[in-house]
C-alpha cells in the first residue's frame, strides 16, 4: 500500500530540499544515505579509540595512586601494580615462599616492607 503523504524536507546530509513520502525519511537519495552511514561508522571508530585511550589513562592514574599511597599492607593486585608485574607473578612468589601473604577476609595481603626487601637482597 502506497502512502499519499508528500512532505517537503531537508536532506540531513546535503541540506537539499526534497519531497519525502514517509515521515521518517532523512535523506534525499540512496547515495546521501550511504554517505551519512559511512560518516556515522567513522565517528563510531573515532569515539571507540578515544574511549580506549581514556581507559588506558585511567589505568595509569590508578597505578600512580597505588605508588603514592602510604599503605603498609597491599593486596596482591596493588603489589603487582607497584612492582609492575602481573598478579600471577606475585601469586607464584607467594607459593614459592619469596613473599609471605596473609589472608585478610577474602583477600590476601602482603606487607610493603617485604616487597622492598625483594630489591634489597
PDB file of N, CA and C in Angstrom:
ATOM      1  N   UNK A   1       0.851  -1.167   0.000  1.00  0.00           N
ATOM      2  CA  UNK A   1       0.000   0.000   0.000  1.00  0.00           C
ATOM      3  C   UNK A   1       0.899   1.233   0.000  1.00  0.00           C
ATOM      4  N   UNK A   2       0.664   2.131  -0.920  1.00  0.00           N
ATOM      5  CA  UNK A   2       1.489   3.326  -1.016  1.00  0.00           C
ATOM      6  C   UNK A   2       0.911   4.452  -0.168  1.00  0.00           C
ATOM      7  N   UNK A   3       1.778   5.379   0.156  1.00  0.00           N
ATOM      8  CA  UNK A   3       1.397   6.496   1.002  1.00  0.00           C
ATOM      9  C   UNK A   3       0.948   7.676   0.141  1.00  0.00           C
ATOM     10  N   UNK A   4      -0.001   8.410   0.608  1.00  0.00           N
ATOM     11  CA  UNK A   4      -0.446   9.626  -0.074  1.00  0.00           C
ATOM     12  C   UNK A   4       0.170  10.863   0.569  1.00  0.00           C
ATOM     13  N   UNK A   5       1.205  10.660   1.367  1.00  0.00           N
ATOM     14  CA  UNK A   5       1.850  11.757   2.073  1.00  0.00           C
ATOM     15  C   UNK A   5       2.964  12.315   1.191  1.00  0.00           C
ATOM     16  N   UNK A   6       3.026  13.614   1.096  1.00  0.00           N
ATOM     17  CA  UNK A   6       4.112  14.295   0.403  1.00  0.00           C
ATOM     18  C   UNK A   6       4.593  15.413   1.322  1.00  0.00           C
ATOM     19  N   UNK A   7       5.800  15.257   1.854  1.00  0.00           N
ATOM     20  CA  UNK A   7       6.358  16.236   2.788  1.00  0.00           C
ATOM     21  C   UNK A   7       7.604  16.867   2.183  1.00  0.00           C
ATOM     22  N   UNK A   8       7.743  18.141   2.353  1.00  0.00           N
ATOM     23  CA  UNK A   8       8.984  18.811   1.969  1.00  0.00           C
ATOM     24  C   UNK A   8       9.926  18.751   3.166  1.00  0.00           C
ATOM     25  N   UNK A   9      11.109  18.154   2.924  1.00  0.00           N
ATOM     26  CA  UNK A   9      12.109  18.010   3.989  1.00  0.00           C
ATOM     27  C   UNK A   9      13.468  18.430   3.461  1.00  0.00           C
ATOM     28  N   UNK A  10      14.375  18.678   4.374  1.00  0.00           N
ATOM     29  CA  UNK A  10      15.767  18.952   4.031  1.00  0.00           C
ATOM     30  C   UNK A  10      16.589  17.707   4.311  1.00  0.00           C
ATOM     31  N   UNK A  11      17.436  17.355   3.353  1.00  0.00           N
ATOM     32  CA  UNK A  11      18.324  16.203   3.495  1.00  0.00           C
ATOM     33  C   UNK A  11      19.312  16.485   4.622  1.00  0.00           C
ATOM     34  N   UNK A  12      19.488  15.521   5.523  1.00  0.00           N
ATOM     35  CA  UNK A  12      20.401  15.713   6.641  1.00  0.00           C
ATOM     36  C   UNK A  12      21.863  15.635   6.209  1.00  0.00           C
ATOM     37  N   UNK A  13      22.111  15.114   5.005  1.00  0.00           N
ATOM     38  CA  UNK A  13      23.483  15.002   4.520  1.00  0.00           C
ATOM     39  C   UNK A  13      23.886  16.207   3.670  1.00  0.00           C
ATOM     40  N   UNK A  14      23.065  16.566   2.679  1.00  0.00           N
ATOM     41  CA  UNK A  14      23.461  17.625   1.740  1.00  0.00           C
ATOM     42  C   UNK A  14      22.630  18.898   1.871  1.00  0.00           C
ATOM     43  N   UNK A  15      21.622  18.897   2.733  1.00  0.00           N
ATOM     44  CA  UNK A  15      20.747  20.044   3.000  1.00  0.00           C
ATOM     45  C   UNK A  15      19.921  20.496   1.800  1.00  0.00           C
ATOM     46  N   UNK A  16      19.734  19.641   0.802  1.00  0.00           N
ATOM     47  CA  UNK A  16      18.843  19.962  -0.310  1.00  0.00           C
ATOM     48  C   UNK A  16      17.408  19.682   0.100  1.00  0.00           C
ATOM     49  N   UNK A  17      16.485  20.444  -0.434  1.00  0.00           N
ATOM     50  CA  UNK A  17      15.077  20.220  -0.160  1.00  0.00           C
ATOM     51  C   UNK A  17      14.579  19.108  -1.089  1.00  0.00           C
ATOM     52  N   UNK A  18      13.834  18.169  -0.533  1.00  0.00           N
ATOM     53  CA  UNK A  18      13.287  17.063  -1.331  1.00  0.00           C
ATOM     54  C   UNK A  18      11.890  16.730  -0.832  1.00  0.00           C
ATOM     55  N   UNK A  19      11.154  15.980  -1.629  1.00  0.00           N
ATOM     56  CA  UNK A  19       9.806  15.560  -1.279  1.00  0.00           C
ATOM     57  C   UNK A  19       9.886  14.155  -0.708  1.00  0.00           C
ATOM     58  N   UNK A  20       9.487  14.015   0.549  1.00  0.00           N
ATOM     59  CA  UNK A  20       9.527  12.718   1.221  1.00  0.00           C
ATOM     60  C   UNK A  20       8.151  12.083   1.170  1.00  0.00           C
ATOM     61  N   UNK A  21       8.116  10.758   1.048  1.00  0.00           N
ATOM     62  CA  UNK A  21       6.853  10.041   1.008  1.00  0.00           C
ATOM     63  C   UNK A  21       6.497   9.432   2.365  1.00  0.00           C
ATOM     64  N   UNK A  22       7.454   9.458   3.298  1.00  0.00           N
ATOM     65  CA  UNK A  22       7.191   8.968   4.652  1.00  0.00           C
ATOM     66  C   UNK A  22       7.660  10.027   5.652  1.00  0.00           C
ATOM     67  N   UNK A  23       7.228   9.882   6.871  1.00  0.00           N
ATOM     68  CA  UNK A  23       7.582  10.869   7.895  1.00  0.00           C
ATOM     69  C   UNK A  23       8.968  10.633   8.482  1.00  0.00           C
ATOM     70  N   UNK A  24       9.557   9.471   8.236  1.00  0.00           N
ATOM     71  CA  UNK A  24      10.846   9.143   8.846  1.00  0.00           C
ATOM     72  C   UNK A  24      12.012   9.261   7.875  1.00  0.00           C
ATOM     73  N   UNK A  25      11.775   9.634   6.632  1.00  0.00           N
ATOM     74  CA  UNK A  25      12.838   9.770   5.643  1.00  0.00           C
ATOM     75  C   UNK A  25      13.771  10.906   6.048  1.00  0.00           C
ATOM     76  N   UNK A  26      15.074  10.621   6.001  1.00  0.00           N
ATOM     77  CA  UNK A  26      16.063  11.618   6.427  1.00  0.00           C
ATOM     78  C   UNK A  26      16.905  12.135   5.264  1.00  0.00           C
ATOM     79  N   UNK A  27      17.059  11.339   4.210  1.00  0.00           N
ATOM     80  CA  UNK A  27      17.994  11.673   3.143  1.00  0.00           C
ATOM     81  C   UNK A  27      17.263  11.736   1.808  1.00  0.00           C
ATOM     82  N   UNK A  28      17.798  12.569   0.901  1.00  0.00           N
ATOM     83  CA  UNK A  28      17.143  12.785  -0.379  1.00  0.00           C
ATOM     84  C   UNK A  28      17.377  11.638  -1.358  1.00  0.00           C
ATOM     85  N   UNK A  29      18.451  10.890  -1.189  1.00  0.00           N
ATOM     86  CA  UNK A  29      18.756   9.802  -2.121  1.00  0.00           C
ATOM     87  C   UNK A  29      19.518   8.704  -1.400  1.00  0.00           C
ATOM     88  N   UNK A  30      19.679   7.596  -2.130  1.00  0.00           N
ATOM     89  CA  UNK A  30      20.414   6.457  -1.593  1.00  0.00           C
ATOM     90  C   UNK A  30      21.878   6.827  -1.366  1.00  0.00           C
ATOM     91  N   UNK A  31      22.447   7.622  -2.250  1.00  0.00           N
ATOM     92  CA  UNK A  31      23.861   7.988  -2.098  1.00  0.00           C
ATOM     93  C   UNK A  31      24.072   8.856  -0.860  1.00  0.00           C
ATOM     94  N   UNK A  32      23.129   9.761  -0.567  1.00  0.00           N
ATOM     95  CA  UNK A  32      23.250  10.572   0.652  1.00  0.00           C
ATOM     96  C   UNK A  32      23.121   9.691   1.898  1.00  0.00           C
ATOM     97  N   UNK A  33      22.248   8.698   1.846  1.00  0.00           N
ATOM     98  CA  UNK A  33      22.097   7.765   2.962  1.00  0.00           C
ATOM     99  C   UNK A  33      23.370   6.977   3.202  1.00  0.00           C
ATOM    100  N   UNK A  34      24.021   6.538   2.113  1.00  0.00           N
ATOM    101  CA  UNK A  34      25.275   5.782   2.237  1.00  0.00           C
ATOM    102  C   UNK A  34      26.403   6.654   2.791  1.00  0.00           C
ATOM    103  N   UNK A  35      26.456   7.906   2.327  1.00  0.00           N
ATOM    104  CA  UNK A  35      27.487   8.816   2.830  1.00  0.00           C
ATOM    105  C   UNK A  35      27.291   9.080   4.327  1.00  0.00           C
ATOM    106  N   UNK A  36      26.042   9.265   4.736  1.00  0.00           N
ATOM    107  CA  UNK A  36      25.756   9.501   6.150  1.00  0.00           C
ATOM    108  C   UNK A  36      26.116   8.278   6.983  1.00  0.00           C
ATOM    109  N   UNK A  37      25.827   7.085   6.458  1.00  0.00           N
ATOM    110  CA  UNK A  37      26.161   5.847   7.166  1.00  0.00           C
ATOM    111  C   UNK A  37      27.671   5.734   7.341  1.00  0.00           C
ATOM    112  N   UNK A  38      28.416   6.052   6.268  1.00  0.00           N
ATOM    113  CA  UNK A  38      29.877   5.969   6.328  1.00  0.00           C
ATOM    114  C   UNK A  38      30.439   6.953   7.351  1.00  0.00           C
ATOM    115  N   UNK A  39      29.915   8.167   7.381  1.00  0.00           N
ATOM    116  CA  UNK A  39      30.355   9.147   8.373  1.00  0.00           C
ATOM    117  C   UNK A  39      30.036   8.685   9.792  1.00  0.00           C
ATOM    118  N   UNK A  40      28.853   8.082   9.960  1.00  0.00           N
ATOM    119  CA  UNK A  40      28.451   7.593  11.282  1.00  0.00           C
ATOM    120  C   UNK A  40      29.387   6.490  11.753  1.00  0.00           C
ATOM    121  N   UNK A  41      29.728   5.560  10.860  1.00  0.00           N
ATOM    122  CA  UNK A  41      30.643   4.468  11.227  1.00  0.00           C
ATOM    123  C   UNK A  41      32.038   4.998  11.535  1.00  0.00           C
ATOM    124  N   UNK A  42      32.494   5.981  10.762  1.00  0.00           N
ATOM    125  CA  UNK A  42      33.802   6.566  11.010  1.00  0.00           C
ATOM    126  C   UNK A  42      33.825   7.229  12.385  1.00  0.00           C
ATOM    127  N   UNK A  43      32.748   7.948  12.718  1.00  0.00           N
ATOM    128  CA  UNK A  43      32.674   8.624  14.018  1.00  0.00           C
ATOM    129  C   UNK A  43      32.641   7.607  15.163  1.00  0.00           C
ATOM    130  N   UNK A  44      31.959   6.472  14.950  1.00  0.00           N
ATOM    131  CA  UNK A  44      31.935   5.420  15.981  1.00  0.00           C
ATOM    132  C   UNK A  44      33.336   4.891  16.246  1.00  0.00           C
ATOM    133  N   UNK A  45      34.133   4.690  15.187  1.00  0.00           N
ATOM    134  CA  UNK A  45      35.509   4.214  15.364  1.00  0.00           C
ATOM    135  C   UNK A  45      36.351   5.235  16.122  1.00  0.00           C
ATOM    136  N   UNK A  46      36.163   6.496  15.780  1.00  0.00           N
ATOM    137  CA  UNK A  46      36.916   7.553  16.461  1.00  0.00           C
ATOM    138  C   UNK A  46      36.550   7.584  17.942  1.00  0.00           C
ATOM    139  N   UNK A  47      35.250   7.498  18.246  1.00  0.00           N
ATOM    140  CA  UNK A  47      34.803   7.507  19.641  1.00  0.00           C
ATOM    141  C   UNK A  47      35.326   6.295  20.403  1.00  0.00           C
ATOM    142  N   UNK A  48      35.371   5.126  19.734  1.00  0.00           N
ATOM    143  CA  UNK A  48      35.898   3.925  20.382  1.00  0.00           C
ATOM    144  C   UNK A  48      37.379   4.097  20.707  1.00  0.00           C
ATOM    145  N   UNK A  49      38.133   4.695  19.789  1.00  0.00           N
ATOM    146  CA  UNK A  49      39.563   4.915  20.031  1.00  0.00           C
ATOM    147  C   UNK A  49      39.777   5.905  21.168  1.00  0.00           C
ATOM    148  N   UNK A  50      38.946   6.938  21.223  1.00  0.00           N
ATOM    149  CA  UNK A  50      39.065   7.927  22.297  1.00  0.00           C
ATOM    150  C   UNK A  50      38.755   7.299  23.640  1.00  0.00           C
ATOM    151  N   UNK A  51      37.687   6.496  23.709  1.00  0.00           N
ATOM    152  CA  UNK A  51      37.335   5.871  24.990  1.00  0.00           C
ATOM    153  C   UNK A  51      38.394   4.859  25.420  1.00  0.00           C
ATOM    154  N   UNK A  52      39.006   4.156  24.454  1.00  0.00           N
ATOM    155  CA  UNK A  52      40.078   3.215  24.782  1.00  0.00           C
ATOM    156  C   UNK A  52      41.273   3.952  25.372  1.00  0.00           C
ATOM    157  N   UNK A  53      41.589   5.111  24.811  1.00  0.00           N
ATOM    158  CA  UNK A  53      42.692   5.917  25.323  1.00  0.00           C
ATOM    159  C   UNK A  53      42.387   6.407  26.729  1.00  0.00           C
ATOM    160  N   UNK A  54      41.132   6.814  26.963  1.00  0.00           N
ATOM    161  CA  UNK A  54      40.748   7.282  28.295  1.00  0.00           C
ATOM    162  C   UNK A  54      40.855   6.159  29.319  1.00  0.00           C
ATOM    163  N   UNK A  55      40.480   4.937  28.927  1.00  0.00           N
ATOM    164  CA  UNK A  55      40.573   3.797  29.849  1.00  0.00           C
ATOM    165  C   UNK A  55      42.037   3.534  30.196  1.00  0.00           C
ATOM    166  N   UNK A  56      42.927   3.606  29.199  1.00  0.00           N
ATOM    167  CA  UNK A  56      44.349   3.403  29.469  1.00  0.00           C
ATOM    168  C   UNK A  56      44.887   4.482  30.399  1.00  0.00           C
ATOM    169  N   UNK A  57      44.447   5.723  30.184  1.00  0.00           N
ATOM    170  CA  UNK A  57      44.894   6.818  31.055  1.00  0.00           C
ATOM    171  C   UNK A  57      44.395   6.625  32.480  1.00  0.00           C
ATOM    172  N   UNK A  58      43.157   6.134  32.640  1.00  0.00           N
ATOM    173  CA  UNK A  58      42.636   5.869  33.980  1.00  0.00           C
ATOM    174  C   UNK A  58      43.443   4.780  34.658  1.00  0.00           C
ATOM    175  N   UNK A  59      43.831   3.741  33.905  1.00  0.00           N
ATOM    176  CA  UNK A  59      44.635   2.658  34.464  1.00  0.00           C
ATOM    177  C   UNK A  59      45.981   3.189  34.932  1.00  0.00           C
ATOM    178  N   UNK A  60      46.575   4.061  34.130  1.00  0.00           N
ATOM    179  CA  UNK A  60      47.861   4.649  34.515  1.00  0.00           C
ATOM    180  C   UNK A  60      47.688   5.503  35.763  1.00  0.00           C
ATOM    181  N   UNK A  61      46.603   6.279  35.830  1.00  0.00           N
ATOM    182  CA  UNK A  61      46.357   7.110  37.006  1.00  0.00           C
ATOM    183  C   UNK A  61      46.125   6.252  38.241  1.00  0.00           C
ATOM    184  N   UNK A  62      45.402   5.119  38.085  1.00  0.00           N
ATOM    185  CA  UNK A  62      45.180   4.217  39.218  1.00  0.00           C
ATOM    186  C   UNK A  62      46.498   3.624  39.693  1.00  0.00           C
ATOM    187  N   UNK A  63      47.378   3.288  38.762  1.00  0.00           N
ATOM    188  CA  UNK A  63      48.680   2.747  39.129  1.00  0.00           C
ATOM    189  C   UNK A  63      49.480   3.794  39.892  1.00  0.00           C
ATOM    190  N   UNK A  64      49.411   5.036  39.441  1.00  0.00           N
ATOM    191  CA  UNK A  64      50.153   6.099  40.132  1.00  0.00           C
ATOM    192  C   UNK A  64      49.618   6.320  41.534  1.00  0.00           C
ATOM    193  N   UNK A  65      48.316   6.169  41.760  1.00  0.00           N
ATOM    194  CA  UNK A  65      47.782   6.336  43.107  1.00  0.00           C
ATOM    195  C   UNK A  65      48.256   5.209  44.008  1.00  0.00           C
ATOM    196  N   UNK A  66      48.411   3.997  43.468  1.00  0.00           N
ATOM    197  CA  UNK A  66      48.938   2.891  44.274  1.00  0.00           C
ATOM    198  C   UNK A  66      50.377   3.186  44.668  1.00  0.00           C
ATOM    199  N   UNK A  67      51.147   3.735  43.724  1.00  0.00           N
ATOM    200  CA  UNK A  67      52.550   4.028  44.022  1.00  0.00           C
ATOM    201  C   UNK A  67      52.679   5.126  45.061  1.00  0.00           C
ATOM    202  N   UNK A  68      51.739   6.042  45.108  1.00  0.00           N
ATOM    203  CA  UNK A  68      51.838   7.180  46.013  1.00  0.00           C
ATOM    204  C   UNK A  68      51.163   6.948  47.361  1.00  0.00           C
ATOM    205  N   UNK A  69      50.516   5.809  47.541  1.00  0.00           N
ATOM    206  CA  UNK A  69      49.841   5.580  48.810  1.00  0.00           C
ATOM    207  C   UNK A  69      50.851   5.233  49.892  1.00  0.00           C
ATOM    208  N   UNK A  70      50.465   5.513  51.098  1.00  0.00           N
ATOM    209  CA  UNK A  70      51.319   5.206  52.243  1.00  0.00           C
ATOM    210  C   UNK A  70      50.798   3.993  52.999  1.00  0.00           C
ATOM    211  N   UNK A  71      50.146   3.098  52.296  1.00  0.00           N
ATOM    212  CA  UNK A  71      49.631   1.893  52.944  1.00  0.00           C
ATOM    213  C   UNK A  71      50.785   1.003  53.372  1.00  0.00           C
ATOM    214  N   UNK A  72      50.584   0.345  54.494  1.00  0.00           N
ATOM    215  CA  UNK A  72      51.606  -0.575  54.980  1.00  0.00           C
ATOM    216  C   UNK A  72      51.402  -1.970  54.388  1.00  0.00           C
ATOM    217  N   UNK A  73      50.134  -2.311  54.107  1.00  0.00           N
ATOM    218  CA  UNK A  73      49.802  -3.613  53.535  1.00  0.00           C
ATOM    219  C   UNK A  73      49.083  -3.404  52.210  1.00  0.00           C
ATOM    220  N   UNK A  74      49.425  -4.248  51.231  1.00  0.00           N
ATOM    221  CA  UNK A  74      48.862  -4.139  49.892  1.00  0.00           C
ATOM    222  C   UNK A  74      48.205  -5.448  49.490  1.00  0.00           C
ATOM    223  N   UNK A  75      47.151  -5.340  48.687  1.00  0.00           N
ATOM    224  CA  UNK A  75      46.551  -6.547  48.126  1.00  0.00           C
ATOM    225  C   UNK A  75      47.487  -7.078  47.038  1.00  0.00           C
ATOM    226  N   UNK A  76      47.198  -8.278  46.559  1.00  0.00           N
ATOM    227  CA  UNK A  76      48.027  -8.878  45.514  1.00  0.00           C
ATOM    228  C   UNK A  76      48.021  -7.990  44.269  1.00  0.00           C
ATOM    229  N   UNK A  77      46.857  -7.460  43.911  1.00  0.00           N
ATOM    230  CA  UNK A  77      46.747  -6.601  42.732  1.00  0.00           C
ATOM    231  C   UNK A  77      47.539  -5.314  42.913  1.00  0.00           C
ATOM    232  N   UNK A  78      47.425  -4.702  44.074  1.00  0.00           N
ATOM    233  CA  UNK A  78      48.165  -3.466  44.336  1.00  0.00           C
ATOM    234  C   UNK A  78      49.673  -3.716  44.343  1.00  0.00           C
ATOM    235  N   UNK A  79      50.080  -4.850  44.897  1.00  0.00           N
ATOM    236  CA  UNK A  79      51.506  -5.187  44.918  1.00  0.00           C
ATOM    237  C   UNK A  79      52.027  -5.395  43.497  1.00  0.00           C
ATOM    238  N   UNK A  80      51.226  -6.034  42.654  1.00  0.00           N
ATOM    239  CA  UNK A  80      51.656  -6.256  41.275  1.00  0.00           C
ATOM    240  C   UNK A  80      51.754  -4.943  40.515  1.00  0.00           C
ATOM    241  N   UNK A  81      50.842  -4.012  40.789  1.00  0.00           N
ATOM    242  CA  UNK A  81      50.906  -2.703  40.138  1.00  0.00           C
ATOM    243  C   UNK A  81      52.099  -1.909  40.648  1.00  0.00           C
ATOM    244  N   UNK A  82      52.419  -2.062  41.906  1.00  0.00           N
ATOM    245  CA  UNK A  82      53.554  -1.347  42.482  1.00  0.00           C
ATOM    246  C   UNK A  82      54.863  -1.769  41.839  1.00  0.00           C
ATOM    247  N   UNK A  83      55.040  -3.069  41.668  1.00  0.00           N
ATOM    248  CA  UNK A  83      56.275  -3.589  41.085  1.00  0.00           C
ATOM    249  C   UNK A  83      56.251  -3.491  39.562  1.00  0.00           C
ATOM    250  N   UNK A  84      55.050  -3.618  38.981  1.00  0.00           N
ATOM    251  CA  UNK A  84      54.935  -3.586  37.523  1.00  0.00           C
ATOM    252  C   UNK A  84      54.969  -4.971  36.912  1.00  0.00           C
ATOM    253  N   UNK A  85      54.456  -5.954  37.649  1.00  0.00           N
ATOM    254  CA  UNK A  85      54.368  -7.325  37.137  1.00  0.00           C
ATOM    255  C   UNK A  85      52.917  -7.764  37.207  1.00  0.00           C
ATOM    256  N   UNK A  86      52.642  -8.955  36.678  1.00  0.00           N
ATOM    257  CA  UNK A  86      51.266  -9.452  36.703  1.00  0.00           C
ATOM    258  C   UNK A  86      50.918 -10.005  38.086  1.00  0.00           C
ATOM    259  N   UNK A  87      49.621 -10.149  38.310  1.00  0.00           N
ATOM    260  CA  UNK A  87      49.156 -10.713  39.586  1.00  0.00           C
ATOM    261  C   UNK A  87      49.679 -12.130  39.758  1.00  0.00           C
ATOM    262  N   UNK A  88      49.748 -12.848  38.635  1.00  0.00           N
ATOM    263  CA  UNK A  88      50.174 -14.257  38.718  1.00  0.00           C
ATOM    264  C   UNK A  88      51.633 -14.363  39.155  1.00  0.00           C
ATOM    265  N   UNK A  89      52.442 -13.393  38.802  1.00  0.00           N
ATOM    266  CA  UNK A  89      53.841 -13.399  39.249  1.00  0.00           C
ATOM    267  C   UNK A  89      53.898 -13.269  40.768  1.00  0.00           C
ATOM    268  N   UNK A  90      53.086 -12.394  41.321  1.00  0.00           N
ATOM    269  CA  UNK A  90      53.035 -12.244  42.781  1.00  0.00           C
ATOM    270  C   UNK A  90      52.518 -13.528  43.419  1.00  0.00           C
ATOM    271  N   UNK A  91      51.503 -14.134  42.802  1.00  0.00           N
ATOM    272  CA  UNK A  91      50.970 -15.398  43.337  1.00  0.00           C
ATOM    273  C   UNK A  91      52.062 -16.478  43.356  1.00  0.00           C
ATOM    274  N   UNK A  92      52.842 -16.559  42.269  1.00  0.00           N
ATOM    275  CA  UNK A  92      53.928 -17.550  42.229  1.00  0.00           C
ATOM    276  C   UNK A  92      54.977 -17.257  43.292  1.00  0.00           C
ATOM    277  N   UNK A  93      55.280 -15.992  43.527  1.00  0.00           N
ATOM    278  CA  UNK A  93      56.255 -15.632  44.556  1.00  0.00           C
ATOM    279  C   UNK A  93      55.746 -16.033  45.935  1.00  0.00           C
ATOM    280  N   UNK A  94      54.451 -15.911  46.160  1.00  0.00           N
ATOM    281  CA  UNK A  94      53.864 -16.328  47.437  1.00  0.00           C
ATOM    282  C   UNK A  94      53.961 -17.842  47.565  1.00  0.00           C
ATOM    283  N   UNK A  95      53.646 -18.574  46.490  1.00  0.00           N
ATOM    284  CA  UNK A  95      53.696 -20.040  46.530  1.00  0.00           C
ATOM    285  C   UNK A  95      55.126 -20.543  46.711  1.00  0.00           C
ATOM    286  N   UNK A  96      56.098 -19.847  46.111  1.00  0.00           N
ATOM    287  CA  UNK A  96      57.498 -20.261  46.231  1.00  0.00           C
ATOM    288  C   UNK A  96      58.120 -19.845  47.556  1.00  0.00           C
ATOM    289  N   UNK A  97      57.436 -19.000  48.321  1.00  0.00           N
ATOM    290  CA  UNK A  97      57.945 -18.587  49.612  1.00  0.00           C
ATOM    291  C   UNK A  97      58.798 -17.334  49.582  1.00  0.00           C
ATOM    292  N   UNK A  98      58.893 -16.675  48.427  1.00  0.00           N
ATOM    293  CA  UNK A  98      59.680 -15.436  48.349  1.00  0.00           C
ATOM    294  C   UNK A  98      58.931 -14.278  48.998  1.00  0.00           C
ATOM    295  N   UNK A  99      57.595 -14.354  49.029  1.00  0.00           N
ATOM    296  CA  UNK A  99      56.759 -13.363  49.693  1.00  0.00           C
ATOM    297  C   UNK A  99      55.819 -14.090  50.636  1.00  0.00           C
ATOM    298  N   UNK A 100      55.476 -13.441  51.725  1.00  0.00           N
ATOM    299  CA  UNK A 100      54.524 -14.018  52.662  1.00  0.00           C
ATOM    300  C   UNK A 100      53.229 -13.214  52.571  1.00  0.00           C
ATOM    301  N   UNK A 101      52.147 -13.889  52.202  1.00  0.00           N
ATOM    302  CA  UNK A 101      50.834 -13.250  52.104  1.00  0.00           C
ATOM    303  C   UNK A 101      49.962 -13.761  53.237  1.00  0.00           C
ATOM    304  N   UNK A 102      49.246 -12.862  53.855  1.00  0.00           N
ATOM    305  CA  UNK A 102      48.385 -13.189  54.982  1.00  0.00           C
ATOM    306  C   UNK A 102      46.932 -13.075  54.530  1.00  0.00           C
ATOM    307  N   UNK A 103      46.111 -14.099  54.818  1.00  0.00           N
ATOM    308  CA  UNK A 103      44.702 -13.977  54.446  1.00  0.00           C
ATOM    309  C   UNK A 103      44.025 -12.884  55.267  1.00  0.00           C
ATOM    310  N   UNK A 104      43.259 -12.070  54.582  1.00  0.00           N
ATOM    311  CA  UNK A 104      42.528 -10.986  55.232  1.00  0.00           C
ATOM    312  C   UNK A 104      41.144 -10.965  54.613  1.00  0.00           C
ATOM    313  N   UNK A 105      40.205 -11.625  55.281  1.00  0.00           N
ATOM    314  CA  UNK A 105      38.872 -11.772  54.695  1.00  0.00           C
ATOM    315  C   UNK A 105      38.964 -12.666  53.471  1.00  0.00           C
ATOM    316  N   UNK A 106      38.466 -12.166  52.343  1.00  0.00           N
ATOM    317  CA  UNK A 106      38.537 -12.924  51.104  1.00  0.00           C
ATOM    318  C   UNK A 106      39.799 -12.602  50.309  1.00  0.00           C
ATOM    319  N   UNK A 107      40.593 -11.675  50.786  1.00  0.00           N
ATOM    320  CA  UNK A 107      41.811 -11.259  50.093  1.00  0.00           C
ATOM    321  C   UNK A 107      43.033 -11.812  50.794  1.00  0.00           C
ATOM    322  N   UNK A 108      44.144 -11.663  50.113  1.00  0.00           N
ATOM    323  CA  UNK A 108      45.436 -11.922  50.720  1.00  0.00           C
ATOM    324  C   UNK A 108      46.216 -10.630  50.618  1.00  0.00           C
ATOM    325  N   UNK A 109      46.884 -10.262  51.703  1.00  0.00           N
ATOM    326  CA  UNK A 109      47.632  -9.009  51.703  1.00  0.00           C
ATOM    327  C   UNK A 109      49.106  -9.286  51.937  1.00  0.00           C
ATOM    328  N   UNK A 110      49.914  -8.388  51.423  1.00  0.00           N
ATOM    329  CA  UNK A 110      51.364  -8.506  51.505  1.00  0.00           C
ATOM    330  C   UNK A 110      51.890  -7.227  52.136  1.00  0.00           C
ATOM    331  N   UNK A 111      52.866  -7.367  52.984  1.00  0.00           N
ATOM    332  CA  UNK A 111      53.488  -6.202  53.605  1.00  0.00           C
ATOM    333  C   UNK A 111      54.332  -5.459  52.567  1.00  0.00           C
ATOM    334  N   UNK A 112      54.257  -4.152  52.602  1.00  0.00           N
ATOM    335  CA  UNK A 112      55.038  -3.333  51.671  1.00  0.00           C
ATOM    336  C   UNK A 112      56.530  -3.491  51.944  1.00  0.00           C
ATOM    337  N   UNK A 113      56.883  -3.746  53.198  1.00  0.00           N
ATOM    338  CA  UNK A 113      58.294  -3.930  53.554  1.00  0.00           C
ATOM    339  C   UNK A 113      58.878  -5.182  52.881  1.00  0.00           C
ATOM    340  N   UNK A 114      58.052  -6.237  52.765  1.00  0.00           N
ATOM    341  CA  UNK A 114      58.537  -7.456  52.089  1.00  0.00           C
ATOM    342  C   UNK A 114      58.859  -7.177  50.628  1.00  0.00           C
ATOM    343  N   UNK A 115      58.025  -6.355  49.993  1.00  0.00           N
ATOM    344  CA  UNK A 115      58.270  -6.034  48.589  1.00  0.00           C
ATOM    345  C   UNK A 115      59.553  -5.216  48.469  1.00  0.00           C
ATOM    346  N   UNK A 116      59.774  -4.293  49.388  1.00  0.00           N
ATOM    347  CA  UNK A 116      61.001  -3.511  49.362  1.00  0.00           C
ATOM    348  C   UNK A 116      62.219  -4.401  49.613  1.00  0.00           C
ATOM    349  N   UNK A 117      62.062  -5.418  50.477  1.00  0.00           N
ATOM    350  CA  UNK A 117      63.169  -6.333  50.781  1.00  0.00           C
ATOM    351  C   UNK A 117      63.533  -7.208  49.587  1.00  0.00           C
ATOM    352  N   UNK A 118      62.591  -7.416  48.652  1.00  0.00           N
ATOM    353  CA  UNK A 118      62.897  -8.189  47.453  1.00  0.00           C
ATOM    354  C   UNK A 118      64.031  -7.524  46.656  1.00  0.00           C
ATOM    355  N   UNK A 119      64.034  -6.208  46.661  1.00  0.00           N
ATOM    356  CA  UNK A 119      65.007  -5.484  45.860  1.00  0.00           C
ATOM    357  C   UNK A 119      66.289  -5.201  46.643  1.00  0.00           C
ATOM    358  N   UNK A 120      66.267  -5.411  47.936  1.00  0.00           N
ATOM    359  CA  UNK A 120      67.450  -5.180  48.754  1.00  0.00           C
ATOM    360  C   UNK A 120      68.306  -6.435  48.893  1.00  0.00           C
ATOM    361  N   UNK A 121      67.777  -7.575  48.473  1.00  0.00           N
ATOM    362  CA  UNK A 121      68.509  -8.833  48.640  1.00  0.00           C
ATOM    363  C   UNK A 121      69.655  -8.941  47.698  1.00  0.00           C
TER     364      UNK A 121
END
